[in-house]
């Protein structure tokens, strides 16, 4: 489970990583223990659920392979839309080898010119 630290007066950011079973205890756990807690919300999506690691299994069409990433991403975004669409201002998704400095991203998204464009 990822312990989330909320940030006041800034846009809310849901950070999402996608992975697969072989990387649950390696890459996904590393993200959950390092940068994911800096987001306002975090979810790890995979081909299989893993309650010990807090990973949600999201089925997708086709094989679990790199050449089928489109189907995996389509299913992941459908899941995010269904469960989180109204809870966050911004969504960042990346693979299990992604590293995000969430504070910097949130600061950028809080800039007046960015907020003005989104409020229009």
Foldseek 3Di string as FASTA:
>chain_A
DAAADDDPPFFAEEEEAEDEDVCLVPLLQVCSPPARNDGRHYAYEYCDDDVVSRHHHFHFPDDPDPVCVVRVVVRVVVVCCVPPVPPGDYYHYYYSVDDDNNVVVRVVCSDPVNVVVVVD
